[in-house]
Amino acid sequence: GVEAISLYKKLSPDLVTMDLVMPEKGGIEATEEILKINSKALVVVVSALGQEALVLEAAKKGAKDFIQKPFKSEQILEVMDRILKNKKTEK
């Protein structure tokens, strides 16, 4: 989580994929901090089976979507594409 925040500050990516369980700082806290830096940041939560409560918490904190592990590359690309297209239409 700490590294995710540091990288976000340095790179300012269009979209962030955020694992929920990480050392030092969890994905929910990291998502909150990124959204404090940029309230329009796009965060997609990556979760394992059985983390439904954490996914709901992340959504309440501002995550735009989630994908469950394990996933195929096509699945995450589909989620990312949908979110980025929605961002374009909001402008």
PDB file of N, CA and C in Angstrom:
ATOM      1  N   GLY A   1       0.799  -1.192   0.000  1.00  0.00           N
ATOM      2  CA  GLY A   1       0.000   0.000   0.000  1.00  0.00           C
ATOM      3  C   GLY A   1       0.844   1.259   0.000  1.00  0.00           C
ATOM      4  N   VAL A   2       1.892   1.258   0.819  1.00  0.00           N
ATOM      5  CA  VAL A   2       2.783   2.416   0.890  1.00  0.00           C
ATOM      6  C   VAL A   2       3.445   2.635  -0.467  1.00  0.00           C
ATOM      7  N   GLU A   3       3.896   1.531  -1.078  1.00  0.00           N
ATOM      8  CA  GLU A   3       4.539   1.629  -2.393  1.00  0.00           C
ATOM      9  C   GLU A   3       3.538   2.089  -3.455  1.00  0.00           C
ATOM     10  N   ALA A   4       2.301   1.622  -3.377  1.00  0.00           N
ATOM     11  CA  ALA A   4       1.273   2.031  -4.342  1.00  0.00           C
ATOM     12  C   ALA A   4       1.050   3.540  -4.289  1.00  0.00           C
ATOM     13  N   ILE A   5       1.001   4.091  -3.101  1.00  0.00           N
ATOM     14  CA  ILE A   5       0.798   5.537  -2.938  1.00  0.00           C
ATOM     15  C   ILE A   5       1.992   6.301  -3.493  1.00  0.00           C
ATOM     16  N   SER A   6       3.188   5.821  -3.178  1.00  0.00           N
ATOM     17  CA  SER A   6       4.406   6.461  -3.668  1.00  0.00           C
ATOM     18  C   SER A   6       4.459   6.450  -5.194  1.00  0.00           C
ATOM     19  N   LEU A   7       4.139   5.304  -5.790  1.00  0.00           N
ATOM     20  CA  LEU A   7       4.138   5.201  -7.252  1.00  0.00           C
ATOM     21  C   LEU A   7       3.057   6.080  -7.870  1.00  0.00           C
ATOM     22  N   TYR A   8       1.904   6.161  -7.212  1.00  0.00           N
ATOM     23  CA  TYR A   8       0.841   7.022  -7.737  1.00  0.00           C
ATOM     24  C   TYR A   8       1.304   8.478  -7.776  1.00  0.00           C
ATOM     25  N   LYS A   9       1.940   8.922  -6.703  1.00  0.00           N
ATOM     26  CA  LYS A   9       2.433  10.300  -6.657  1.00  0.00           C
ATOM     27  C   LYS A   9       3.453  10.561  -7.755  1.00  0.00           C
ATOM     28  N   LYS A  10       4.286   9.575  -8.023  1.00  0.00           N
ATOM     29  CA  LYS A  10       5.355   9.734  -9.002  1.00  0.00           C
ATOM     30  C   LYS A  10       4.836   9.645 -10.446  1.00  0.00           C
ATOM     31  N   LEU A  11       3.936   8.695 -10.712  1.00  0.00           N
ATOM     32  CA  LEU A  11       3.525   8.389 -12.083  1.00  0.00           C
ATOM     33  C   LEU A  11       2.180   8.971 -12.507  1.00  0.00           C
ATOM     34  N   SER A  12       1.294   9.249 -11.577  1.00  0.00           N
ATOM     35  CA  SER A  12      -0.064   9.729 -11.877  1.00  0.00           C
ATOM     36  C   SER A  12      -0.729   8.931 -13.006  1.00  0.00           C
ATOM     37  N   PRO A  13      -0.892   7.619 -12.827  1.00  0.00           N
ATOM     38  CA  PRO A  13      -1.474   6.793 -13.893  1.00  0.00           C
ATOM     39  C   PRO A  13      -2.954   7.105 -14.125  1.00  0.00           C
ATOM     40  N   ASP A  14      -3.439   6.731 -15.308  1.00  0.00           N
ATOM     41  CA  ASP A  14      -4.854   6.914 -15.631  1.00  0.00           C
ATOM     42  C   ASP A  14      -5.740   6.003 -14.790  1.00  0.00           C
ATOM     43  N   LEU A  15      -5.199   4.844 -14.397  1.00  0.00           N
ATOM     44  CA  LEU A  15      -5.978   3.854 -13.658  1.00  0.00           C
ATOM     45  C   LEU A  15      -5.041   3.079 -12.737  1.00  0.00           C
ATOM     46  N   VAL A  16      -5.536   2.719 -11.562  1.00  0.00           N
ATOM     47  CA  VAL A  16      -4.754   1.969 -10.575  1.00  0.00           C
ATOM     48  C   VAL A  16      -5.452   0.642 -10.303  1.00  0.00           C
ATOM     49  N   THR A  17      -4.699  -0.467 -10.342  1.00  0.00           N
ATOM     50  CA  THR A  17      -5.228  -1.736  -9.851  1.00  0.00           C
ATOM     51  C   THR A  17      -4.666  -1.918  -8.447  1.00  0.00           C
ATOM     52  N   MET A  18      -5.545  -2.187  -7.507  1.00  0.00           N
ATOM     53  CA  MET A  18      -5.159  -2.198  -6.092  1.00  0.00           C
ATOM     54  C   MET A  18      -5.543  -3.517  -5.439  1.00  0.00           C
ATOM     55  N   ASP A  19      -4.549  -4.277  -5.004  1.00  0.00           N
ATOM     56  CA  ASP A  19      -4.822  -5.477  -4.220  1.00  0.00           C
ATOM     57  C   ASP A  19      -5.314  -5.027  -2.845  1.00  0.00           C
ATOM     58  N   LEU A  20      -6.182  -5.788  -2.253  1.00  0.00           N
ATOM     59  CA  LEU A  20      -6.723  -5.400  -0.948  1.00  0.00           C
ATOM     60  C   LEU A  20      -5.807  -5.756   0.211  1.00  0.00           C
ATOM     61  N   VAL A  21      -5.078  -6.853   0.078  1.00  0.00           N
ATOM     62  CA  VAL A  21      -4.237  -7.319   1.173  1.00  0.00           C
ATOM     63  C   VAL A  21      -2.775  -7.113   0.800  1.00  0.00           C
ATOM     64  N   MET A  22      -2.126  -6.181   1.506  1.00  0.00           N
ATOM     65  CA  MET A  22      -0.723  -5.860   1.264  1.00  0.00           C
ATOM     66  C   MET A  22      -0.048  -5.572   2.596  1.00  0.00           C
ATOM     67  N   PRO A  23       1.284  -5.714   2.632  1.00  0.00           N
ATOM     68  CA  PRO A  23       1.992  -5.394   3.876  1.00  0.00           C
ATOM     69  C   PRO A  23       1.973  -3.893   4.164  1.00  0.00           C
ATOM     70  N   GLU A  24       2.146  -3.542   5.383  1.00  0.00           N
ATOM     71  CA  GLU A  24       2.241  -2.169   5.882  1.00  0.00           C
ATOM     72  C   GLU A  24       0.927  -1.400   5.830  1.00  0.00           C
ATOM     73  N   LYS A  25       0.329  -1.296   4.661  1.00  0.00           N
ATOM     74  CA  LYS A  25      -0.916  -0.536   4.503  1.00  0.00           C
ATOM     75  C   LYS A  25      -1.798  -1.308   3.529  1.00  0.00           C
ATOM     76  N   GLY A  26      -3.040  -1.556   3.916  1.00  0.00           N
ATOM     77  CA  GLY A  26      -3.945  -2.319   3.074  1.00  0.00           C
ATOM     78  C   GLY A  26      -4.458  -1.522   1.880  1.00  0.00           C
ATOM     79  N   GLY A  27      -5.095  -2.223   0.970  1.00  0.00           N
ATOM     80  CA  GLY A  27      -5.602  -1.607  -0.245  1.00  0.00           C
ATOM     81  C   GLY A  27      -6.679  -0.559  -0.014  1.00  0.00           C
ATOM     82  N   ILE A  28      -7.505  -0.747   1.014  1.00  0.00           N
ATOM     83  CA  ILE A  28      -8.556   0.232   1.301  1.00  0.00           C
ATOM     84  C   ILE A  28      -7.933   1.548   1.750  1.00  0.00           C
ATOM     85  N   GLU A  29      -6.963   1.459   2.658  1.00  0.00           N
ATOM     86  CA  GLU A  29      -6.304   2.687   3.128  1.00  0.00           C
ATOM     87  C   GLU A  29      -5.534   3.364   1.999  1.00  0.00           C
ATOM     88  N   ALA A  30      -4.869   2.549   1.168  1.00  0.00           N
ATOM     89  CA  ALA A  30      -4.119   3.114   0.043  1.00  0.00           C
ATOM     90  C   ALA A  30      -5.067   3.788  -0.950  1.00  0.00           C
ATOM     91  N   THR A  31      -6.225   3.169  -1.195  1.00  0.00           N
ATOM     92  CA  THR A  31      -7.223   3.768  -2.083  1.00  0.00           C
ATOM     93  C   THR A  31      -7.680   5.112  -1.530  1.00  0.00           C
ATOM     94  N   GLU A  32      -7.961   5.158  -0.232  1.00  0.00           N
ATOM     95  CA  GLU A  32      -8.375   6.419   0.398  1.00  0.00           C
ATOM     96  C   GLU A  32      -7.315   7.503   0.222  1.00  0.00           C
ATOM     97  N   GLU A  33      -6.064   7.145   0.431  1.00  0.00           N
ATOM     98  CA  GLU A  33      -4.993   8.139   0.316  1.00  0.00           C
ATOM     99  C   GLU A  33      -4.820   8.622  -1.118  1.00  0.00           C
ATOM    100  N   ILE A  34      -4.920   7.703  -2.069  1.00  0.00           N
ATOM    101  CA  ILE A  34      -4.814   8.094  -3.479  1.00  0.00           C
ATOM    102  C   ILE A  34      -5.957   9.037  -3.840  1.00  0.00           C
ATOM    103  N   LEU A  35      -7.155   8.750  -3.345  1.00  0.00           N
ATOM    104  CA  LEU A  35      -8.298   9.614  -3.644  1.00  0.00           C
ATOM    105  C   LEU A  35      -8.200  10.964  -2.939  1.00  0.00           C
ATOM    106  N   LYS A  36      -7.450  11.042  -1.854  1.00  0.00           N
ATOM    107  CA  LYS A  36      -7.184  12.343  -1.228  1.00  0.00           C
ATOM    108  C   LYS A  36      -6.229  13.159  -2.097  1.00  0.00           C
ATOM    109  N   ILE A  37      -5.291  12.472  -2.747  1.00  0.00           N
ATOM    110  CA  ILE A  37      -4.346  13.130  -3.652  1.00  0.00           C
ATOM    111  C   ILE A  37      -5.078  13.616  -4.898  1.00  0.00           C
ATOM    112  N   ASN A  38      -5.942  12.734  -5.444  1.00  0.00           N
ATOM    113  CA  ASN A  38      -6.698  13.053  -6.657  1.00  0.00           C
ATOM    114  C   ASN A  38      -8.087  12.436  -6.532  1.00  0.00           C
ATOM    115  N   SER A  39      -9.074  13.247  -6.281  1.00  0.00           N
ATOM    116  CA  SER A  39     -10.436  12.744  -6.059  1.00  0.00           C
ATOM    117  C   SER A  39     -11.028  12.073  -7.293  1.00  0.00           C
ATOM    118  N   LYS A  40     -10.423  12.279  -8.467  1.00  0.00           N
ATOM    119  CA  LYS A  40     -10.928  11.658  -9.696  1.00  0.00           C
ATOM    120  C   LYS A  40     -10.118  10.428 -10.097  1.00  0.00           C
ATOM    121  N   ALA A  41      -9.226   9.974  -9.225  1.00  0.00           N
ATOM    122  CA  ALA A  41      -8.420   8.781  -9.514  1.00  0.00           C
ATOM    123  C   ALA A  41      -9.340   7.584  -9.746  1.00  0.00           C
ATOM    124  N   LEU A  42      -8.942   6.736 -10.663  1.00  0.00           N
ATOM    125  CA  LEU A  42      -9.706   5.533 -10.988  1.00  0.00           C
ATOM    126  C   LEU A  42      -8.995   4.333 -10.370  1.00  0.00           C
ATOM    127  N   VAL A  43      -9.640   3.703  -9.404  1.00  0.00           N
ATOM    128  CA  VAL A  43      -9.046   2.567  -8.699  1.00  0.00           C
ATOM    129  C   VAL A  43      -9.908   1.330  -8.916  1.00  0.00           C
ATOM    130  N   VAL A  44      -9.267   0.248  -9.370  1.00  0.00           N
ATOM    131  CA  VAL A  44      -9.921  -1.047  -9.519  1.00  0.00           C
ATOM    132  C   VAL A  44      -9.331  -1.966  -8.457  1.00  0.00           C
ATOM    133  N   VAL A  45     -10.182  -2.522  -7.625  1.00  0.00           N
ATOM    134  CA  VAL A  45      -9.759  -3.402  -6.545  1.00  0.00           C
ATOM    135  C   VAL A  45      -9.608  -4.823  -7.076  1.00  0.00           C
ATOM    136  N   VAL A  46      -8.519  -5.465  -6.674  1.00  0.00           N
ATOM    137  CA  VAL A  46      -8.268  -6.864  -7.014  1.00  0.00           C
ATOM    138  C   VAL A  46      -8.410  -7.651  -5.722  1.00  0.00           C
ATOM    139  N   SER A  47      -9.313  -8.641  -5.729  1.00  0.00           N
ATOM    140  CA  SER A  47      -9.586  -9.357  -4.481  1.00  0.00           C
ATOM    141  C   SER A  47      -9.611 -10.859  -4.695  1.00  0.00           C
ATOM    142  N   ALA A  48      -9.406 -11.576  -3.611  1.00  0.00           N
ATOM    143  CA  ALA A  48      -9.519 -13.030  -3.624  1.00  0.00           C
ATOM    144  C   ALA A  48     -10.936 -13.423  -3.210  1.00  0.00           C
ATOM    145  N   LEU A  49     -11.298 -14.634  -3.537  1.00  0.00           N
ATOM    146  CA  LEU A  49     -12.592 -15.168  -3.124  1.00  0.00           C
ATOM    147  C   LEU A  49     -12.704 -15.067  -1.606  1.00  0.00           C
ATOM    148  N   GLY A  50     -13.856 -14.646  -1.124  1.00  0.00           N
ATOM    149  CA  GLY A  50     -14.064 -14.543   0.310  1.00  0.00           C
ATOM    150  C   GLY A  50     -13.769 -13.168   0.881  1.00  0.00           C
ATOM    151  N   GLN A  51     -13.433 -12.211   0.024  1.00  0.00           N
ATOM    152  CA  GLN A  51     -13.136 -10.856   0.494  1.00  0.00           C
ATOM    153  C   GLN A  51     -14.260  -9.877   0.161  1.00  0.00           C
ATOM    154  N   GLU A  52     -15.484 -10.395   0.082  1.00  0.00           N
ATOM    155  CA  GLU A  52     -16.610  -9.566  -0.322  1.00  0.00           C
ATOM    156  C   GLU A  52     -16.786  -8.338   0.568  1.00  0.00           C
ATOM    157  N   ALA A  53     -16.624  -8.508   1.871  1.00  0.00           N
ATOM    158  CA  ALA A  53     -16.787  -7.370   2.789  1.00  0.00           C
ATOM    159  C   ALA A  53     -15.743  -6.294   2.505  1.00  0.00           C
ATOM    160  N   LEU A  54     -14.517  -6.714   2.209  1.00  0.00           N
ATOM    161  CA  LEU A  54     -13.466  -5.749   1.881  1.00  0.00           C
ATOM    162  C   LEU A  54     -13.757  -5.040   0.561  1.00  0.00           C
ATOM    163  N   VAL A  55     -14.282  -5.776  -0.411  1.00  0.00           N
ATOM    164  CA  VAL A  55     -14.632  -5.172  -1.702  1.00  0.00           C
ATOM    165  C   VAL A  55     -15.710  -4.111  -1.502  1.00  0.00           C
ATOM    166  N   LEU A  56     -16.724  -4.418  -0.705  1.00  0.00           N
ATOM    167  CA  LEU A  56     -17.789  -3.443  -0.430  1.00  0.00           C
ATOM    168  C   LEU A  56     -17.232  -2.209   0.269  1.00  0.00           C
ATOM    169  N   GLU A  57     -16.333  -2.417   1.216  1.00  0.00           N
ATOM    170  CA  GLU A  57     -15.700  -1.302   1.923  1.00  0.00           C
ATOM    171  C   GLU A  57     -14.901  -0.439   0.945  1.00  0.00           C
ATOM    172  N   ALA A  58     -14.166  -1.084   0.044  1.00  0.00           N
ATOM    173  CA  ALA A  58     -13.383  -0.346  -0.951  1.00  0.00           C
ATOM    174  C   ALA A  58     -14.298   0.465  -1.865  1.00  0.00           C
ATOM    175  N   ALA A  59     -15.438  -0.110  -2.245  1.00  0.00           N
ATOM    176  CA  ALA A  59     -16.392   0.615  -3.089  1.00  0.00           C
ATOM    177  C   ALA A  59     -16.930   1.842  -2.353  1.00  0.00           C
ATOM    178  N   LYS A  60     -17.224   1.689  -1.077  1.00  0.00           N
ATOM    179  CA  LYS A  60     -17.705   2.825  -0.277  1.00  0.00           C
ATOM    180  C   LYS A  60     -16.648   3.919  -0.185  1.00  0.00           C
ATOM    181  N   LYS A  61     -15.380   3.523  -0.215  1.00  0.00           N
ATOM    182  CA  LYS A  61     -14.279   4.487  -0.111  1.00  0.00           C
ATOM    183  C   LYS A  61     -13.920   5.110  -1.454  1.00  0.00           C
ATOM    184  N   GLY A  62     -14.526   4.603  -2.560  1.00  0.00           N
ATOM    185  CA  GLY A  62     -14.305   5.244  -3.847  1.00  0.00           C
ATOM    186  C   GLY A  62     -13.752   4.393  -4.966  1.00  0.00           C
ATOM    187  N   ALA A  63     -13.510   3.102  -4.730  1.00  0.00           N
ATOM    188  CA  ALA A  63     -13.045   2.236  -5.817  1.00  0.00           C
ATOM    189  C   ALA A  63     -14.123   2.176  -6.900  1.00  0.00           C
ATOM    190  N   LYS A  64     -13.699   2.187  -8.156  1.00  0.00           N
ATOM    191  CA  LYS A  64     -14.651   2.228  -9.270  1.00  0.00           C
ATOM    192  C   LYS A  64     -15.193   0.861  -9.650  1.00  0.00           C
ATOM    193  N   ASP A  65     -14.409  -0.192  -9.416  1.00  0.00           N
ATOM    194  CA  ASP A  65     -14.826  -1.538  -9.808  1.00  0.00           C
ATOM    195  C   ASP A  65     -13.921  -2.527  -9.089  1.00  0.00           C
ATOM    196  N   PHE A  66     -14.165  -3.806  -9.316  1.00  0.00           N
ATOM    197  CA  PHE A  66     -13.298  -4.825  -8.735  1.00  0.00           C
ATOM    198  C   PHE A  66     -13.208  -6.004  -9.678  1.00  0.00           C
ATOM    199  N   ILE A  67     -12.163  -6.777  -9.488  1.00  0.00           N
ATOM    200  CA  ILE A  67     -12.012  -8.030 -10.218  1.00  0.00           C
ATOM    201  C   ILE A  67     -11.500  -9.066  -9.224  1.00  0.00           C
ATOM    202  N   GLN A  68     -12.022 -10.281  -9.360  1.00  0.00           N
ATOM    203  CA  GLN A  68     -11.685 -11.340  -8.408  1.00  0.00           C
ATOM    204  C   GLN A  68     -10.548 -12.208  -8.931  1.00  0.00           C
ATOM    205  N   LYS A  69      -9.588 -12.512  -8.044  1.00  0.00           N
ATOM    206  CA  LYS A  69      -8.497 -13.422  -8.389  1.00  0.00           C
ATOM    207  C   LYS A  69      -8.985 -14.854  -8.250  1.00  0.00           C
ATOM    208  N   PRO A  70      -8.483 -15.778  -9.018  1.00  0.00           N
ATOM    209  CA  PRO A  70      -7.627 -15.552 -10.183  1.00  0.00           C
ATOM    210  C   PRO A  70      -8.467 -15.041 -11.349  1.00  0.00           C
ATOM    211  N   PHE A  71      -7.846 -14.270 -12.211  1.00  0.00           N
ATOM    212  CA  PHE A  71      -8.556 -13.742 -13.372  1.00  0.00           C
ATOM    213  C   PHE A  71      -7.702 -13.921 -14.615  1.00  0.00           C
ATOM    214  N   LYS A  72      -8.376 -13.862 -15.750  1.00  0.00           N
ATOM    215  CA  LYS A  72      -7.678 -13.933 -17.039  1.00  0.00           C
ATOM    216  C   LYS A  72      -7.380 -12.514 -17.486  1.00  0.00           C
ATOM    217  N   SER A  73      -6.338 -12.356 -18.261  1.00  0.00           N
ATOM    218  CA  SER A  73      -5.941 -11.017 -18.707  1.00  0.00           C
ATOM    219  C   SER A  73      -7.081 -10.312 -19.436  1.00  0.00           C
ATOM    220  N   GLU A  74      -7.893 -11.075 -20.173  1.00  0.00           N
ATOM    221  CA  GLU A  74      -9.009 -10.460 -20.901  1.00  0.00           C
ATOM    222  C   GLU A  74     -10.002  -9.822 -19.933  1.00  0.00           C
ATOM    223  N   GLN A  75     -10.190 -10.452 -18.777  1.00  0.00           N
ATOM    224  CA  GLN A  75     -11.153  -9.929 -17.807  1.00  0.00           C
ATOM    225  C   GLN A  75     -10.716  -8.573 -17.257  1.00  0.00           C
ATOM    226  N   ILE A  76      -9.459  -8.456 -16.888  1.00  0.00           N
ATOM    227  CA  ILE A  76      -9.007  -7.182 -16.326  1.00  0.00           C
ATOM    228  C   ILE A  76      -8.951  -6.116 -17.405  1.00  0.00           C
ATOM    229  N   LEU A  77      -8.588  -6.511 -18.622  1.00  0.00           N
ATOM    230  CA  LEU A  77      -8.574  -5.542 -19.717  1.00  0.00           C
ATOM    231  C   LEU A  77      -9.978  -5.018 -19.994  1.00  0.00           C
ATOM    232  N   GLU A  78     -10.975  -5.891 -19.897  1.00  0.00           N
ATOM    233  CA  GLU A  78     -12.370  -5.484 -20.106  1.00  0.00           C
ATOM    234  C   GLU A  78     -12.811  -4.467 -19.046  1.00  0.00           C
ATOM    235  N   VAL A  79     -12.479  -4.735 -17.792  1.00  0.00           N
ATOM    236  CA  VAL A  79     -12.833  -3.820 -16.697  1.00  0.00           C
ATOM    237  C   VAL A  79     -12.137  -2.475 -16.901  1.00  0.00           C
ATOM    238  N   MET A  80     -10.839  -2.516 -17.205  1.00  0.00           N
ATOM    239  CA  MET A  80     -10.072  -1.283 -17.395  1.00  0.00           C
ATOM    240  C   MET A  80     -10.613  -0.481 -18.576  1.00  0.00           C
ATOM    241  N   ASP A  81     -10.903  -1.171 -19.666  1.00  0.00           N
ATOM    242  CA  ASP A  81     -11.424  -0.502 -20.858  1.00  0.00           C
ATOM    243  C   ASP A  81     -12.755   0.182 -20.555  1.00  0.00           C
ATOM    244  N   ARG A  82     -13.640  -0.510 -19.845  1.00  0.00           N
ATOM    245  CA  ARG A  82     -14.954   0.053 -19.509  1.00  0.00           C
ATOM    246  C   ARG A  82     -14.806   1.311 -18.642  1.00  0.00           C
ATOM    247  N   ILE A  83     -13.955   1.247 -17.649  1.00  0.00           N
ATOM    248  CA  ILE A  83     -13.773   2.389 -16.748  1.00  0.00           C
ATOM    249  C   ILE A  83     -13.163   3.573 -17.484  1.00  0.00           C
ATOM    250  N   LEU A  84     -12.162   3.310 -18.308  1.00  0.00           N
ATOM    251  CA  LEU A  84     -11.517   4.405 -19.041  1.00  0.00           C
ATOM    252  C   LEU A  84     -12.465   5.021 -20.068  1.00  0.00           C
ATOM    253  N   LYS A  85     -13.316   4.196 -20.691  1.00  0.00           N
ATOM    254  CA  LYS A  85     -14.315   4.741 -21.630  1.00  0.00           C
ATOM    255  C   LYS A  85     -15.324   5.610 -20.884  1.00  0.00           C
ATOM    256  N   ASN A  86     -15.744   5.168 -19.694  1.00  0.00           N
ATOM    257  CA  ASN A  86     -16.670   5.968 -18.885  1.00  0.00           C
ATOM    258  C   ASN A  86     -16.043   7.298 -18.511  1.00  0.00           C
ATOM    259  N   LYS A  87     -14.755   7.292 -18.215  1.00  0.00           N
ATOM    260  CA  LYS A  87     -14.051   8.529 -17.864  1.00  0.00           C
ATOM    261  C   LYS A  87     -14.082   9.501 -19.042  1.00  0.00           C
ATOM    262  N   LYS A  88     -13.872   8.978 -20.247  1.00  0.00           N
ATOM    263  CA  LYS A  88     -13.885   9.829 -21.445  1.00  0.00           C
ATOM    264  C   LYS A  88     -15.256  10.460 -21.661  1.00  0.00           C
ATOM    265  N   THR A  89     -16.321   9.677 -21.450  1.00  0.00           N
ATOM    266  CA  THR A  89     -17.664  10.206 -21.686  1.00  0.00           C
ATOM    267  C   THR A  89     -18.079  11.214 -20.624  1.00  0.00           C
ATOM    268  N   GLU A  90     -17.430  11.168 -19.454  1.00  0.00           N
ATOM    269  CA  GLU A  90     -17.749  12.123 -18.384  1.00  0.00           C
ATOM    270  C   GLU A  90     -17.152  13.496 -18.643  1.00  0.00           C
ATOM    271  N   LYS A  91     -16.150  13.566 -19.498  1.00  0.00           N
ATOM    272  CA  LYS A  91     -15.485  14.857 -19.757  1.00  0.00           C
ATOM    273  C   LYS A  91     -16.319  15.787 -20.587  1.00  0.00           C
TER     274      LYS A  91
END
